[in-house]
Amino acid sequence: MTDYDFSIGMLIPLKSHLVIDFSAGVLFILWPFIFDFTGLALAYYLVMGFGILLVVGLTQSDEESQLNQSAQD
C-alpha cells in the first residue's frame, strides 16, 4: 500500500508511511508509562517501539536515494 519499489499496491507516499510508523513507535514507547505496564508488557512495548524507530531511521526515501546516487556520480 506504500509508494515504494517493493510494494504490492502503491497508494500511500513513502514519507507519509514513515510518519505513521514514527508515530506508532513513539506511541509504543509512551503507552506503558501512560497505562502503567510492568514486566514483560513493558519490555515488549519498549522493544517494539525502539525497533520501529530504528527501522524508520534506517529507511531511505526516494529523495534520499537520489541524493546519494547523485553525490556518488
Protein backbone atom coordinates (compact mmCIF):
# COMPACT_ATOMS: atom_id res chain seq x y z
CA MET A 1 0.00 0.00 0.00
CA THR A 2 3.03 2.29 0.10
CA ASP A 3 4.58 4.02 -2.90
CA TYR A 4 7.81 2.04 -2.59
CA ASP A 5 9.75 -0.09 -5.07
CA PHE A 6 8.89 -3.36 -3.32
CA SER A 7 5.27 -2.51 -2.53
CA ILE A 8 2.36 -4.53 -3.87
CA GLY A 9 0.00 -1.56 -4.18
CA MET A 10 1.34 1.98 -4.31
CA LEU A 11 -1.33 4.05 -2.57
CA ILE A 12 0.46 5.92 0.24
CA PRO A 13 3.60 8.01 -0.33
CA LEU A 14 6.62 6.58 1.47
CA LYS A 15 7.18 9.74 3.54
CA SER A 16 3.58 9.58 4.83
CA HIS A 17 4.05 5.94 5.70
CA LEU A 18 7.25 6.73 7.60
CA VAL A 19 5.45 9.47 9.56
CA ILE A 20 2.74 6.98 10.53
CA ASP A 21 5.39 4.41 11.54
CA PHE A 22 7.31 7.02 13.55
CA SER A 23 4.11 8.00 15.37
CA ALA A 24 3.38 4.34 16.12
CA GLY A 25 6.90 3.89 17.50
CA VAL A 26 6.53 6.89 19.80
CA LEU A 27 3.14 5.62 20.98
CA PHE A 28 4.59 2.17 21.67
CA ILE A 29 7.26 3.79 23.85
CA LEU A 30 4.83 6.07 25.71
CA TRP A 31 1.98 3.57 26.13
CA PRO A 32 3.48 1.54 29.01
CA PHE A 33 4.13 4.68 31.04
CA ILE A 34 0.65 6.10 30.38
CA PHE A 35 -1.07 2.85 31.37
CA ASP A 36 1.49 1.75 33.99
CA PHE A 37 2.59 -1.51 32.32
CA THR A 38 5.22 -3.56 34.11
CA GLY A 39 7.30 -6.64 33.47
CA LEU A 40 7.02 -8.39 30.14
CA ALA A 41 4.41 -5.97 28.78
CA LEU A 42 6.71 -3.01 29.50
CA ALA A 43 9.65 -4.73 27.83
CA TYR A 44 7.56 -5.73 24.80
CA TYR A 45 6.29 -2.22 24.12
CA LEU A 46 9.70 -0.61 24.62
CA VAL A 47 11.49 -3.10 22.37
CA MET A 48 8.81 -2.80 19.67
CA GLY A 49 8.77 1.00 19.88
CA PHE A 50 12.53 1.38 19.62
CA GLY A 51 12.59 -1.26 16.87
CA ILE A 52 10.04 0.69 14.84
CA LEU A 53 12.02 3.91 15.31
CA LEU A 54 15.20 2.11 14.23
CA VAL A 55 13.55 0.85 11.03
CA VAL A 56 12.15 4.31 10.27
CA GLY A 57 15.55 5.88 10.87
CA LEU A 58 17.30 3.42 8.56
CA THR A 59 14.74 3.65 5.74
CA GLN A 60 15.77 5.90 2.86
CA SER A 61 13.10 7.80 0.98
CA ASP A 62 13.27 8.17 -2.79
CA GLU A 63 14.71 11.69 -2.47
CA GLU A 64 17.47 10.48 -0.15
CA SER A 65 18.32 7.63 -2.53
CA GLN A 66 18.52 10.03 -5.47
CA LEU A 67 20.72 12.44 -3.48
CA ASN A 68 23.07 9.61 -2.54
CA GLN A 69 23.30 8.45 -6.17
CA SER A 70 23.97 11.96 -7.49
CA ALA A 71 26.65 12.50 -4.82
CA GLN A 72 28.41 9.30 -5.89
CA ASP A 73 28.41 10.29 -9.57
